[in-house]
Amino acid sequence: MGVRDTAADREELLRELFGLAPLLERFRAEGMARKGLTQPRARLLRRLDEQGPQVMSELSRALDVTPRAVTALVDGLEAGGLVRRCGHPHDRRATVVELTAAGRRTCREMSEGHSRLSAELLGGFSERELDAGLRVARAVRSAMEARRA
């Protein structure tokens, strides 16, 4: 039994991750396209689904986009019947954005699709393997975020 070359293993793992990223992104983009969504619009919907109705300025900060970009995103989602604008109960200058029934249904369908895909791709792994994979993925993500900062 020989000694493994951990440097070579790390390099091979990184190559696999780089190869995997575009495939996962394509799956995500195709799923969103079937719903008539873009990545930014889907992020806004998920934010509303997770946090409830939001003031436009809160959405801008949370999504790290300009107020003008949030307005364009909300315009598109509102035209598709997925969100609606409402007046703020205490601030006449603020506009609240909330999901419509169709928006909640779309969020539920996205979540269900994610669950199906995770079961399909990861269902054959043990709890121990999933824990190890999650630790590695989180560590790699953290290191990459630290490099960007």
C-alpha atoms as a PDB file:
ATOM      1  CA  MET A   1       0.000   0.000   0.000  1.00  0.00           C
ATOM      2  CA  GLY A   2       1.598   3.237  -1.173  1.00  0.00           C
ATOM      3  CA  VAL A   3       1.479   6.717   0.263  1.00  0.00           C
ATOM      4  CA  ARG A   4      -1.086   8.930  -1.428  1.00  0.00           C
ATOM      5  CA  ASP A   5      -0.043  12.221  -2.931  1.00  0.00           C
ATOM      6  CA  THR A   6      -2.392  14.631  -1.150  1.00  0.00           C
ATOM      7  CA  ALA A   7      -1.273  17.559  -3.323  1.00  0.00           C
ATOM      8  CA  ALA A   8      -2.341  15.610  -6.424  1.00  0.00           C
ATOM      9  CA  ASP A   9      -5.630  14.682  -4.717  1.00  0.00           C
ATOM     10  CA  ARG A  10      -6.310  18.348  -3.901  1.00  0.00           C
ATOM     11  CA  GLU A  11      -5.548  19.370  -7.477  1.00  0.00           C
ATOM     12  CA  GLU A  12      -7.820  16.650  -8.868  1.00  0.00           C
ATOM     13  CA  LEU A  13     -10.626  17.676  -6.495  1.00  0.00           C
ATOM     14  CA  LEU A  14     -10.297  21.313  -7.563  1.00  0.00           C
ATOM     15  CA  ARG A  15     -10.437  20.284 -11.249  1.00  0.00           C
ATOM     16  CA  GLU A  16     -13.611  18.313 -10.512  1.00  0.00           C
ATOM     17  CA  LEU A  17     -15.155  21.291  -8.697  1.00  0.00           C
ATOM     18  CA  PHE A  18     -14.331  23.599 -11.610  1.00  0.00           C
ATOM     19  CA  GLY A  19     -15.912  21.083 -13.972  1.00  0.00           C
ATOM     20  CA  LEU A  20     -18.969  20.664 -11.765  1.00  0.00           C
ATOM     21  CA  ALA A  21     -19.753  24.367 -11.303  1.00  0.00           C
ATOM     22  CA  PRO A  22     -20.847  25.076 -14.901  1.00  0.00           C
ATOM     23  CA  LEU A  23     -22.949  21.901 -15.003  1.00  0.00           C
ATOM     24  CA  LEU A  24     -24.794  22.881 -11.822  1.00  0.00           C
ATOM     25  CA  GLU A  25     -25.254  26.414 -13.107  1.00  0.00           C
ATOM     26  CA  ARG A  26     -26.706  25.095 -16.365  1.00  0.00           C
ATOM     27  CA  PHE A  27     -29.196  22.913 -14.432  1.00  0.00           C
ATOM     28  CA  ARG A  28     -30.226  25.942 -12.390  1.00  0.00           C
ATOM     29  CA  ALA A  29     -30.508  28.243 -15.408  1.00  0.00           C
ATOM     30  CA  GLU A  30     -32.580  25.711 -17.356  1.00  0.00           C
ATOM     31  CA  GLY A  31     -34.944  25.230 -14.412  1.00  0.00           C
ATOM     32  CA  MET A  32     -35.395  28.975 -13.985  1.00  0.00           C
ATOM     33  CA  ALA A  33     -35.881  29.489 -17.712  1.00  0.00           C
ATOM     34  CA  ARG A  34     -38.723  26.952 -17.686  1.00  0.00           C
ATOM     35  CA  LYS A  35     -40.408  29.236 -15.150  1.00  0.00           C
ATOM     36  CA  GLY A  36     -39.573  32.374 -17.134  1.00  0.00           C
ATOM     37  CA  LEU A  37     -37.116  33.558 -14.475  1.00  0.00           C
ATOM     38  CA  THR A  38     -33.611  34.935 -14.435  1.00  0.00           C
ATOM     39  CA  GLN A  39     -31.160  34.381 -11.586  1.00  0.00           C
ATOM     40  CA  PRO A  40     -31.737  37.883 -10.111  1.00  0.00           C
ATOM     41  CA  ARG A  41     -35.517  37.509 -10.278  1.00  0.00           C
ATOM     42  CA  ALA A  42     -35.335  34.088  -8.626  1.00  0.00           C
ATOM     43  CA  ARG A  43     -33.132  35.531  -5.859  1.00  0.00           C
ATOM     44  CA  LEU A  44     -35.689  38.259  -5.209  1.00  0.00           C
ATOM     45  CA  LEU A  45     -38.519  35.717  -5.069  1.00  0.00           C
ATOM     46  CA  ARG A  46     -36.551  33.504  -2.661  1.00  0.00           C
ATOM     47  CA  ARG A  47     -35.840  36.506  -0.451  1.00  0.00           C
ATOM     48  CA  LEU A  48     -39.536  37.366  -0.243  1.00  0.00           C
ATOM     49  CA  ASP A  49     -40.429  33.717   0.339  1.00  0.00           C
ATOM     50  CA  GLU A  50     -37.926  33.401   3.198  1.00  0.00           C
ATOM     51  CA  GLN A  51     -38.289  36.858   4.780  1.00  0.00           C
ATOM     52  CA  GLY A  52     -41.830  37.915   3.904  1.00  0.00           C
ATOM     53  CA  PRO A  53     -42.831  41.282   2.407  1.00  0.00           C
ATOM     54  CA  GLN A  54     -39.943  43.727   2.070  1.00  0.00           C
ATOM     55  CA  VAL A  55     -39.517  47.427   1.440  1.00  0.00           C
ATOM     56  CA  MET A  56     -37.793  48.085  -1.890  1.00  0.00           C
ATOM     57  CA  SER A  57     -34.744  49.620  -0.172  1.00  0.00           C
ATOM     58  CA  GLU A  58     -34.393  46.493   2.015  1.00  0.00           C
ATOM     59  CA  LEU A  59     -34.428  44.337  -1.112  1.00  0.00           C
ATOM     60  CA  SER A  60     -31.759  46.516  -2.682  1.00  0.00           C
ATOM     61  CA  ARG A  61     -29.454  46.070   0.314  1.00  0.00           C
ATOM     62  CA  ALA A  62     -30.202  42.363   0.789  1.00  0.00           C
ATOM     63  CA  LEU A  63     -29.605  41.518  -2.867  1.00  0.00           C
ATOM     64  CA  ASP A  64     -26.658  43.929  -3.153  1.00  0.00           C
ATOM     65  CA  VAL A  65     -28.090  45.673  -6.206  1.00  0.00           C
ATOM     66  CA  THR A  66     -28.987  49.279  -6.932  1.00  0.00           C
ATOM     67  CA  PRO A  67     -32.456  50.605  -6.159  1.00  0.00           C
ATOM     68  CA  ARG A  68     -32.937  51.052  -9.895  1.00  0.00           C
ATOM     69  CA  ALA A  69     -32.131  47.360 -10.477  1.00  0.00           C
ATOM     70  CA  VAL A  70     -34.648  46.324  -7.798  1.00  0.00           C
ATOM     71  CA  THR A  71     -37.279  48.458  -9.491  1.00  0.00           C
ATOM     72  CA  ALA A  72     -36.594  46.696 -12.812  1.00  0.00           C
ATOM     73  CA  LEU A  73     -36.709  43.262 -11.160  1.00  0.00           C
ATOM     74  CA  VAL A  74     -39.966  44.044  -9.383  1.00  0.00           C
ATOM     75  CA  ASP A  75     -41.431  45.479 -12.602  1.00  0.00           C
ATOM     76  CA  GLY A  76     -40.729  42.200 -14.409  1.00  0.00           C
ATOM     77  CA  LEU A  77     -42.008  39.996 -11.600  1.00  0.00           C
ATOM     78  CA  GLU A  78     -45.099  42.139 -11.176  1.00  0.00           C
ATOM     79  CA  ALA A  79     -45.823  41.919 -14.917  1.00  0.00           C
ATOM     80  CA  GLY A  80     -45.610  38.125 -14.546  1.00  0.00           C
ATOM     81  CA  GLY A  81     -48.063  38.180 -11.647  1.00  0.00           C
ATOM     82  CA  LEU A  82     -45.522  36.863  -9.119  1.00  0.00           C
ATOM     83  CA  VAL A  83     -45.250  39.915  -6.843  1.00  0.00           C
ATOM     84  CA  ARG A  84     -47.268  43.022  -6.067  1.00  0.00           C
ATOM     85  CA  ARG A  85     -46.412  46.429  -4.712  1.00  0.00           C
ATOM     86  CA  CYS A  86     -48.258  47.727  -1.661  1.00  0.00           C
ATOM     87  CA  GLY A  87     -48.096  50.937   0.277  1.00  0.00           C
ATOM     88  CA  HIS A  88     -46.167  50.891   3.539  1.00  0.00           C
ATOM     89  CA  PRO A  89     -48.544  51.093   6.515  1.00  0.00           C
ATOM     90  CA  HIS A  90     -46.476  53.789   8.301  1.00  0.00           C
ATOM     91  CA  ASP A  91     -44.347  55.473   5.602  1.00  0.00           C
ATOM     92  CA  ARG A  92     -46.123  56.911   2.575  1.00  0.00           C
ATOM     93  CA  ARG A  93     -42.808  57.217   0.709  1.00  0.00           C
ATOM     94  CA  ALA A  94     -41.935  53.510   0.999  1.00  0.00           C
ATOM     95  CA  THR A  95     -43.198  50.706  -1.201  1.00  0.00           C
ATOM     96  CA  VAL A  96     -43.556  47.167   0.105  1.00  0.00           C
ATOM     97  CA  VAL A  97     -43.171  44.196  -2.235  1.00  0.00           C
ATOM     98  CA  GLU A  98     -44.905  40.904  -1.465  1.00  0.00           C
ATOM     99  CA  LEU A  99     -45.450  37.572  -3.182  1.00  0.00           C
ATOM    100  CA  THR A 100     -48.752  36.844  -4.844  1.00  0.00           C
ATOM    101  CA  ALA A 101     -50.317  33.376  -4.692  1.00  0.00           C
ATOM    102  CA  ALA A 102     -48.638  32.626  -8.033  1.00  0.00           C
ATOM    103  CA  GLY A 103     -45.299  33.818  -6.607  1.00  0.00           C
ATOM    104  CA  ARG A 104     -45.660  31.556  -3.568  1.00  0.00           C
ATOM    105  CA  ARG A 105     -46.518  28.642  -5.861  1.00  0.00           C
ATOM    106  CA  THR A 106     -43.455  29.359  -8.020  1.00  0.00           C
ATOM    107  CA  CYS A 107     -41.223  29.430  -4.917  1.00  0.00           C
ATOM    108  CA  ARG A 108     -42.711  26.142  -3.726  1.00  0.00           C
ATOM    109  CA  GLU A 109     -42.117  24.568  -7.158  1.00  0.00           C
ATOM    110  CA  MET A 110     -38.497  25.788  -7.182  1.00  0.00           C
ATOM    111  CA  SER A 111     -37.956  24.308  -3.719  1.00  0.00           C
ATOM    112  CA  GLU A 112     -39.541  21.009  -4.722  1.00  0.00           C
ATOM    113  CA  GLY A 113     -37.364  20.876  -7.856  1.00  0.00           C
ATOM    114  CA  HIS A 114     -34.293  21.490  -5.747  1.00  0.00           C
ATOM    115  CA  SER A 115     -35.294  18.662  -3.408  1.00  0.00           C
ATOM    116  CA  ARG A 116     -35.866  16.262  -6.309  1.00  0.00           C
ATOM    117  CA  LEU A 117     -32.499  17.100  -7.857  1.00  0.00           C
ATOM    118  CA  SER A 118     -30.659  16.723  -4.549  1.00  0.00           C
ATOM    119  CA  ALA A 119     -32.302  13.312  -4.024  1.00  0.00           C
ATOM    120  CA  GLU A 120     -31.392  12.255  -7.558  1.00  0.00           C
ATOM    121  CA  LEU A 121     -27.775  13.427  -7.416  1.00  0.00           C
ATOM    122  CA  LEU A 122     -26.953  12.775  -3.752  1.00  0.00           C
ATOM    123  CA  GLY A 123     -29.415  10.107  -2.646  1.00  0.00           C
ATOM    124  CA  GLY A 124     -26.869   7.286  -2.880  1.00  0.00           C
ATOM    125  CA  PHE A 125     -24.413   8.787  -0.415  1.00  0.00           C
ATOM    126  CA  SER A 126     -24.223   7.893   3.265  1.00  0.00           C
ATOM    127  CA  GLU A 127     -24.695  10.457   6.015  1.00  0.00           C
ATOM    128  CA  ARG A 128     -20.954  10.312   6.693  1.00  0.00           C
ATOM    129  CA  GLU A 129     -20.110  10.962   3.037  1.00  0.00           C
ATOM    130  CA  LEU A 130     -22.574  13.843   2.858  1.00  0.00           C
ATOM    131  CA  ASP A 131     -21.156  15.369   6.058  1.00  0.00           C
ATOM    132  CA  ALA A 132     -17.612  15.149   4.652  1.00  0.00           C
ATOM    133  CA  GLY A 133     -18.686  16.628   1.307  1.00  0.00           C
ATOM    134  CA  LEU A 134     -20.527  19.448   3.032  1.00  0.00           C
ATOM    135  CA  ARG A 135     -17.494  20.260   5.182  1.00  0.00           C
ATOM    136  CA  VAL A 136     -15.268  20.405   2.101  1.00  0.00           C
ATOM    137  CA  ALA A 137     -17.760  22.495   0.085  1.00  0.00           C
ATOM    138  CA  ARG A 138     -18.217  24.974   2.935  1.00  0.00           C
ATOM    139  CA  ALA A 139     -14.479  25.287   3.508  1.00  0.00           C
ATOM    140  CA  VAL A 140     -13.810  25.857  -0.203  1.00  0.00           C
ATOM    141  CA  ARG A 141     -16.596  28.443  -0.400  1.00  0.00           C
ATOM    142  CA  SER A 142     -15.298  30.224   2.697  1.00  0.00           C
ATOM    143  CA  ALA A 143     -11.753  30.310   1.327  1.00  0.00           C
ATOM    144  CA  MET A 144     -12.973  31.659  -2.014  1.00  0.00           C
ATOM    145  CA  GLU A 145     -15.077  34.348  -0.329  1.00  0.00           C
ATOM    146  CA  ALA A 146     -12.079  35.344   1.790  1.00  0.00           C
ATOM    147  CA  ARG A 147      -9.961  35.700  -1.372  1.00  0.00           C
ATOM    148  CA  ARG A 148     -12.569  38.007  -2.911  1.00  0.00           C
ATOM    149  CA  ALA A 149     -12.740  40.241   0.174  1.00  0.00           C
END
